[in-house]
Structure formats: C-alpha cells, structure tokens
Amino acid sequence: MVGVVVAALVLAGFIGLGLLLTSRVDNAVPVVVLAVAGAYAAWLVGVIVFGAIRGGSDGHEARER
C-alpha cells in the first residue's frame, strides 16, 4: 500500500511539473513527455519502496527475539 501511495505522489509530481512547464511554453508536449517519464519513475519508486518494506528474499530477515 505504501508503494502505491509513493508511486502516485511521484506521478502527480511529474504531471504537475509538466503542467507548469506547459503554461510557460504554450505546448502540450511537456505534459505528455513528463507523464510518460513520471509513469516509469512512479513504477520504479513503487517497486523500490515495496521491496524495502517487504524485505529481502534471501531468507536472512531479522527475527523478533
């Protein structure tokens, strides 16, 4: 769940930057480019956060004592 929230924030940030840049250059290309880049960045960050929270798969997770 945390990975999805972080990914959504990253995507919203990229789209927001694209909208800000679009208002400066009067063209829709920055929104499209940054939305595609944001989708990739959101997926990547979401996977990293999910993996960090879930832990490693090598069986060496910390055990409660």
PDB file of N, CA and C in Angstrom:
ATOM      1  N   MET A   1       0.823  -1.195   0.000  1.00  0.00           N
ATOM      2  CA  MET A   1       0.000   0.000   0.000  1.00  0.00           C
ATOM      3  C   MET A   1       0.865   1.256   0.000  1.00  0.00           C
ATOM      4  N   VAL A   2       1.943   1.229   0.765  1.00  0.00           N
ATOM      5  CA  VAL A   2       2.826   2.394   0.829  1.00  0.00           C
ATOM      6  C   VAL A   2       3.488   2.634  -0.521  1.00  0.00           C
ATOM      7  N   GLY A   3       3.865   1.558  -1.201  1.00  0.00           N
ATOM      8  CA  GLY A   3       4.477   1.691  -2.522  1.00  0.00           C
ATOM      9  C   GLY A   3       3.542   2.349  -3.521  1.00  0.00           C
ATOM     10  N   VAL A   4       2.265   2.015  -3.445  1.00  0.00           N
ATOM     11  CA  VAL A   4       1.277   2.605  -4.356  1.00  0.00           C
ATOM     12  C   VAL A   4       1.107   4.097  -4.070  1.00  0.00           C
ATOM     13  N   VAL A   5       1.072   4.456  -2.805  1.00  0.00           N
ATOM     14  CA  VAL A   5       0.915   5.868  -2.428  1.00  0.00           C
ATOM     15  C   VAL A   5       2.122   6.683  -2.883  1.00  0.00           C
ATOM     16  N   VAL A   6       3.309   6.159  -2.658  1.00  0.00           N
ATOM     17  CA  VAL A   6       4.524   6.874  -3.073  1.00  0.00           C
ATOM     18  C   VAL A   6       4.577   6.988  -4.593  1.00  0.00           C
ATOM     19  N   ALA A   7       4.205   5.917  -5.292  1.00  0.00           N
ATOM     20  CA  ALA A   7       4.189   5.953  -6.753  1.00  0.00           C
ATOM     21  C   ALA A   7       3.191   6.995  -7.269  1.00  0.00           C
ATOM     22  N   ALA A   8       2.032   7.081  -6.631  1.00  0.00           N
ATOM     23  CA  ALA A   8       1.034   8.070  -7.042  1.00  0.00           C
ATOM     24  C   ALA A   8       1.542   9.492  -6.818  1.00  0.00           C
ATOM     25  N   LEU A   9       2.257   9.706  -5.728  1.00  0.00           N
ATOM     26  CA  LEU A   9       2.828  11.036  -5.469  1.00  0.00           C
ATOM     27  C   LEU A   9       3.885  11.405  -6.498  1.00  0.00           C
ATOM     28  N   VAL A  10       4.706  10.441  -6.871  1.00  0.00           N
ATOM     29  CA  VAL A  10       5.737  10.697  -7.886  1.00  0.00           C
ATOM     30  C   VAL A  10       5.084  11.030  -9.224  1.00  0.00           C
ATOM     31  N   LEU A  11       4.089  10.255  -9.604  1.00  0.00           N
ATOM     32  CA  LEU A  11       3.394  10.513 -10.869  1.00  0.00           C
ATOM     33  C   LEU A  11       2.717  11.879 -10.855  1.00  0.00           C
ATOM     34  N   ALA A  12       2.068  12.215  -9.757  1.00  0.00           N
ATOM     35  CA  ALA A  12       1.413  13.523  -9.653  1.00  0.00           C
ATOM     36  C   ALA A  12       2.439  14.653  -9.723  1.00  0.00           C
ATOM     37  N   GLY A  13       3.593  14.450  -9.136  1.00  0.00           N
ATOM     38  CA  GLY A  13       4.647  15.459  -9.209  1.00  0.00           C
ATOM     39  C   GLY A  13       5.134  15.687 -10.625  1.00  0.00           C
ATOM     40  N   PHE A  14       5.355  14.613 -11.368  1.00  0.00           N
ATOM     41  CA  PHE A  14       5.808  14.750 -12.751  1.00  0.00           C
ATOM     42  C   PHE A  14       4.755  15.421 -13.620  1.00  0.00           C
ATOM     43  N   ILE A  15       3.502  15.027 -13.446  1.00  0.00           N
ATOM     44  CA  ILE A  15       2.434  15.651 -14.230  1.00  0.00           C
ATOM     45  C   ILE A  15       2.286  17.119 -13.846  1.00  0.00           C
ATOM     46  N   GLY A  16       2.411  17.434 -12.570  1.00  0.00           N
ATOM     47  CA  GLY A  16       2.359  18.829 -12.133  1.00  0.00           C
ATOM     48  C   GLY A  16       3.473  19.659 -12.746  1.00  0.00           C
ATOM     49  N   LEU A  17       4.676  19.092 -12.790  1.00  0.00           N
ATOM     50  CA  LEU A  17       5.783  19.809 -13.438  1.00  0.00           C
ATOM     51  C   LEU A  17       5.511  20.009 -14.920  1.00  0.00           C
ATOM     52  N   GLY A  18       4.920  19.015 -15.557  1.00  0.00           N
ATOM     53  CA  GLY A  18       4.581  19.151 -16.971  1.00  0.00           C
ATOM     54  C   GLY A  18       3.545  20.232 -17.205  1.00  0.00           C
ATOM     55  N   LEU A  19       2.545  20.300 -16.325  1.00  0.00           N
ATOM     56  CA  LEU A  19       1.528  21.354 -16.460  1.00  0.00           C
ATOM     57  C   LEU A  19       2.127  22.735 -16.226  1.00  0.00           C
ATOM     58  N   LEU A  20       3.034  22.827 -15.269  1.00  0.00           N
ATOM     59  CA  LEU A  20       3.702  24.098 -15.022  1.00  0.00           C
ATOM     60  C   LEU A  20       4.528  24.532 -16.232  1.00  0.00           C
ATOM     61  N   LEU A  21       5.246  23.589 -16.809  1.00  0.00           N
ATOM     62  CA  LEU A  21       6.054  23.911 -17.978  1.00  0.00           C
ATOM     63  C   LEU A  21       5.180  24.225 -19.184  1.00  0.00           C
ATOM     64  N   THR A  22       4.043  23.552 -19.315  1.00  0.00           N
ATOM     65  CA  THR A  22       3.127  23.818 -20.424  1.00  0.00           C
ATOM     66  C   THR A  22       2.596  25.238 -20.377  1.00  0.00           C
ATOM     67  N   SER A  23       2.342  25.747 -19.174  1.00  0.00           N
ATOM     68  CA  SER A  23       1.843  27.117 -19.072  1.00  0.00           C
ATOM     69  C   SER A  23       2.909  28.126 -19.491  1.00  0.00           C
ATOM     70  N   ARG A  24       4.156  27.719 -19.447  1.00  0.00           N
ATOM     71  CA  ARG A  24       5.240  28.628 -19.850  1.00  0.00           C
ATOM     72  C   ARG A  24       5.518  28.586 -21.349  1.00  0.00           C
ATOM     73  N   VAL A  25       5.366  27.409 -21.982  1.00  0.00           N
ATOM     74  CA  VAL A  25       5.747  27.282 -23.386  1.00  0.00           C
ATOM     75  C   VAL A  25       4.559  27.181 -24.340  1.00  0.00           C
ATOM     76  N   ASP A  26       3.331  27.136 -23.824  1.00  0.00           N
ATOM     77  CA  ASP A  26       2.112  27.046 -24.648  1.00  0.00           C
ATOM     78  C   ASP A  26       2.153  25.870 -25.614  1.00  0.00           C
ATOM     79  N   ASN A  27       2.531  24.703 -25.090  1.00  0.00           N
ATOM     80  CA  ASN A  27       2.591  23.496 -25.897  1.00  0.00           C
ATOM     81  C   ASN A  27       2.269  22.314 -24.977  1.00  0.00           C
ATOM     82  N   ALA A  28       1.634  21.279 -25.512  1.00  0.00           N
ATOM     83  CA  ALA A  28       1.238  20.132 -24.695  1.00  0.00           C
ATOM     84  C   ALA A  28       2.304  19.051 -24.625  1.00  0.00           C
ATOM     85  N   VAL A  29       3.379  19.214 -25.355  1.00  0.00           N
ATOM     86  CA  VAL A  29       4.420  18.187 -25.390  1.00  0.00           C
ATOM     87  C   VAL A  29       5.048  17.939 -24.012  1.00  0.00           C
ATOM     88  N   PRO A  30       5.346  18.967 -23.218  1.00  0.00           N
ATOM     89  CA  PRO A  30       5.939  18.679 -21.900  1.00  0.00           C
ATOM     90  C   PRO A  30       5.064  17.821 -21.000  1.00  0.00           C
ATOM     91  N   VAL A  31       3.745  17.985 -21.067  1.00  0.00           N
ATOM     92  CA  VAL A  31       2.862  17.173 -20.229  1.00  0.00           C
ATOM     93  C   VAL A  31       2.937  15.712 -20.653  1.00  0.00           C
ATOM     94  N   VAL A  32       2.930  15.469 -21.950  1.00  0.00           N
ATOM     95  CA  VAL A  32       2.976  14.100 -22.450  1.00  0.00           C
ATOM     96  C   VAL A  32       4.312  13.448 -22.100  1.00  0.00           C
ATOM     97  N   VAL A  33       5.396  14.150 -22.341  1.00  0.00           N
ATOM     98  CA  VAL A  33       6.730  13.599 -22.069  1.00  0.00           C
ATOM     99  C   VAL A  33       6.912  13.346 -20.578  1.00  0.00           C
ATOM    100  N   LEU A  34       6.547  14.308 -19.748  1.00  0.00           N
ATOM    101  CA  LEU A  34       6.720  14.131 -18.313  1.00  0.00           C
ATOM    102  C   LEU A  34       5.721  13.131 -17.735  1.00  0.00           C
ATOM    103  N   ALA A  35       4.562  12.966 -18.344  1.00  0.00           N
ATOM    104  CA  ALA A  35       3.622  11.944 -17.874  1.00  0.00           C
ATOM    105  C   ALA A  35       4.177  10.548 -18.143  1.00  0.00           C
ATOM    106  N   VAL A  36       4.774  10.353 -19.309  1.00  0.00           N
ATOM    107  CA  VAL A  36       5.384   9.055 -19.625  1.00  0.00           C
ATOM    108  C   VAL A  36       6.578   8.802 -18.717  1.00  0.00           C
ATOM    109  N   ALA A  37       7.437   9.803 -18.556  1.00  0.00           N
ATOM    110  CA  ALA A  37       8.589   9.660 -17.655  1.00  0.00           C
ATOM    111  C   ALA A  37       8.131   9.468 -16.221  1.00  0.00           C
ATOM    112  N   GLY A  38       7.073  10.153 -15.836  1.00  0.00           N
ATOM    113  CA  GLY A  38       6.534  10.015 -14.488  1.00  0.00           C
ATOM    114  C   GLY A  38       5.944   8.645 -14.239  1.00  0.00           C
ATOM    115  N   ALA A  39       5.315   8.066 -15.252  1.00  0.00           N
ATOM    116  CA  ALA A  39       4.767   6.717 -15.097  1.00  0.00           C
ATOM    117  C   ALA A  39       5.890   5.717 -14.853  1.00  0.00           C
ATOM    118  N   TYR A  40       6.975   5.849 -15.599  1.00  0.00           N
ATOM    119  CA  TYR A  40       8.118   4.956 -15.396  1.00  0.00           C
ATOM    120  C   TYR A  40       8.760   5.189 -14.027  1.00  0.00           C
ATOM    121  N   ALA A  41       8.951   6.444 -13.668  1.00  0.00           N
ATOM    122  CA  ALA A  41       9.557   6.763 -12.369  1.00  0.00           C
ATOM    123  C   ALA A  41       8.662   6.303 -11.226  1.00  0.00           C
ATOM    124  N   ALA A  42       7.359   6.446 -11.382  1.00  0.00           N
ATOM    125  CA  ALA A  42       6.424   6.015 -10.336  1.00  0.00           C
ATOM    126  C   ALA A  42       6.483   4.503 -10.159  1.00  0.00           C
ATOM    127  N   TRP A  43       6.526   3.770 -11.259  1.00  0.00           N
ATOM    128  CA  TRP A  43       6.648   2.315 -11.174  1.00  0.00           C
ATOM    129  C   TRP A  43       7.951   1.925 -10.486  1.00  0.00           C
ATOM    130  N   LEU A  44       9.037   2.561 -10.879  1.00  0.00           N
ATOM    131  CA  LEU A  44      10.341   2.237 -10.312  1.00  0.00           C
ATOM    132  C   LEU A  44      10.399   2.537  -8.815  1.00  0.00           C
ATOM    133  N   VAL A  45       9.936   3.691  -8.416  1.00  0.00           N
ATOM    134  CA  VAL A  45       9.938   4.061  -6.997  1.00  0.00           C
ATOM    135  C   VAL A  45       8.994   3.156  -6.207  1.00  0.00           C
ATOM    136  N   GLY A  46       7.848   2.841  -6.781  1.00  0.00           N
ATOM    137  CA  GLY A  46       6.910   1.944  -6.107  1.00  0.00           C
ATOM    138  C   GLY A  46       7.502   0.571  -5.862  1.00  0.00           C
ATOM    139  N   VAL A  47       8.223   0.038  -6.841  1.00  0.00           N
ATOM    140  CA  VAL A  47       8.866  -1.262  -6.679  1.00  0.00           C
ATOM    141  C   VAL A  47       9.966  -1.195  -5.627  1.00  0.00           C
ATOM    142  N   ILE A  48      10.735  -0.126  -5.621  1.00  0.00           N
ATOM    143  CA  ILE A  48      11.807   0.021  -4.634  1.00  0.00           C
ATOM    144  C   ILE A  48      11.239   0.114  -3.222  1.00  0.00           C
ATOM    145  N   VAL A  49      10.199   0.917  -3.044  1.00  0.00           N
ATOM    146  CA  VAL A  49       9.591   1.062  -1.719  1.00  0.00           C
ATOM    147  C   VAL A  49       8.963  -0.255  -1.275  1.00  0.00           C
ATOM    148  N   PHE A  50       8.266  -0.923  -2.185  1.00  0.00           N
ATOM    149  CA  PHE A  50       7.658  -2.202  -1.851  1.00  0.00           C
ATOM    150  C   PHE A  50       8.722  -3.215  -1.434  1.00  0.00           C
ATOM    151  N   GLY A  51       9.811  -3.270  -2.181  1.00  0.00           N
ATOM    152  CA  GLY A  51      10.891  -4.188  -1.843  1.00  0.00           C
ATOM    153  C   GLY A  51      11.561  -3.847  -0.529  1.00  0.00           C
ATOM    154  N   ALA A  52      11.703  -2.573  -0.248  1.00  0.00           N
ATOM    155  CA  ALA A  52      12.339  -2.157   1.005  1.00  0.00           C
ATOM    156  C   ALA A  52      11.467  -2.502   2.207  1.00  0.00           C
ATOM    157  N   ILE A  53      10.167  -2.360   2.062  1.00  0.00           N
ATOM    158  CA  ILE A  53       9.272  -2.658   3.173  1.00  0.00           C
ATOM    159  C   ILE A  53       9.119  -4.174   3.350  1.00  0.00           C
ATOM    160  N   ARG A  54       9.030  -4.878   2.255  1.00  0.00           N
ATOM    161  CA  ARG A  54       8.820  -6.330   2.313  1.00  0.00           C
ATOM    162  C   ARG A  54      10.042  -7.050   2.843  1.00  0.00           C
ATOM    163  N   GLY A  55      11.214  -6.581   2.511  1.00  0.00           N
ATOM    164  CA  GLY A  55      12.450  -7.228   2.960  1.00  0.00           C
ATOM    165  C   GLY A  55      13.046  -8.075   1.862  1.00  0.00           C
ATOM    166  N   GLY A  56      14.214  -8.615   2.129  1.00  0.00           N
ATOM    167  CA  GLY A  56      14.921  -9.425   1.145  1.00  0.00           C
ATOM    168  C   GLY A  56      14.315 -10.802   0.989  1.00  0.00           C
ATOM    169  N   SER A  57      14.654 -11.459  -0.106  1.00  0.00           N
ATOM    170  CA  SER A  57      14.137 -12.795  -0.366  1.00  0.00           C
ATOM    171  C   SER A  57      15.202 -13.861  -0.110  1.00  0.00           C
ATOM    172  N   ASP A  58      16.304 -13.480   0.520  1.00  0.00           N
ATOM    173  CA  ASP A  58      17.375 -14.449   0.728  1.00  0.00           C
ATOM    174  C   ASP A  58      17.234 -15.220   2.047  1.00  0.00           C
ATOM    175  N   GLY A  59      16.158 -14.996   2.790  1.00  0.00           N
ATOM    176  CA  GLY A  59      15.913 -15.743   3.999  1.00  0.00           C
ATOM    177  C   GLY A  59      16.668 -15.239   5.223  1.00  0.00           C
ATOM    178  N   HIS A  60      17.302 -14.089   5.102  1.00  0.00           N
ATOM    179  CA  HIS A  60      18.080 -13.543   6.205  1.00  0.00           C
ATOM    180  C   HIS A  60      17.398 -12.345   6.852  1.00  0.00           C
ATOM    181  N   GLU A  61      16.073 -12.368   6.895  1.00  0.00           N
ATOM    182  CA  GLU A  61      15.347 -11.277   7.537  1.00  0.00           C
ATOM    183  C   GLU A  61      15.584 -11.327   9.041  1.00  0.00           C
ATOM    184  N   ALA A  62      15.495 -10.183   9.664  1.00  0.00           N
ATOM    185  CA  ALA A  62      15.678 -10.111  11.111  1.00  0.00           C
ATOM    186  C   ALA A  62      14.488 -10.781  11.796  1.00  0.00           C
ATOM    187  N   ARG A  63      14.774 -11.557  12.819  1.00  0.00           N
ATOM    188  CA  ARG A  63      13.723 -12.236  13.566  1.00  0.00           C
ATOM    189  C   ARG A  63      13.516 -11.545  14.902  1.00  0.00           C
ATOM    190  N   GLU A  64      12.262 -11.565  15.358  1.00  0.00           N
ATOM    191  CA  GLU A  64      11.968 -10.971  16.665  1.00  0.00           C
ATOM    192  C   GLU A  64      12.488 -11.885  17.762  1.00  0.00           C
ATOM    193  N   ARG A  65      12.989 -11.300  18.823  1.00  0.00           N
ATOM    194  CA  ARG A  65      13.528 -12.092  19.937  1.00  0.00           C
ATOM    195  C   ARG A  65      12.650 -11.981  21.126  1.00  0.00           C
TER     196      ARG A  65
END
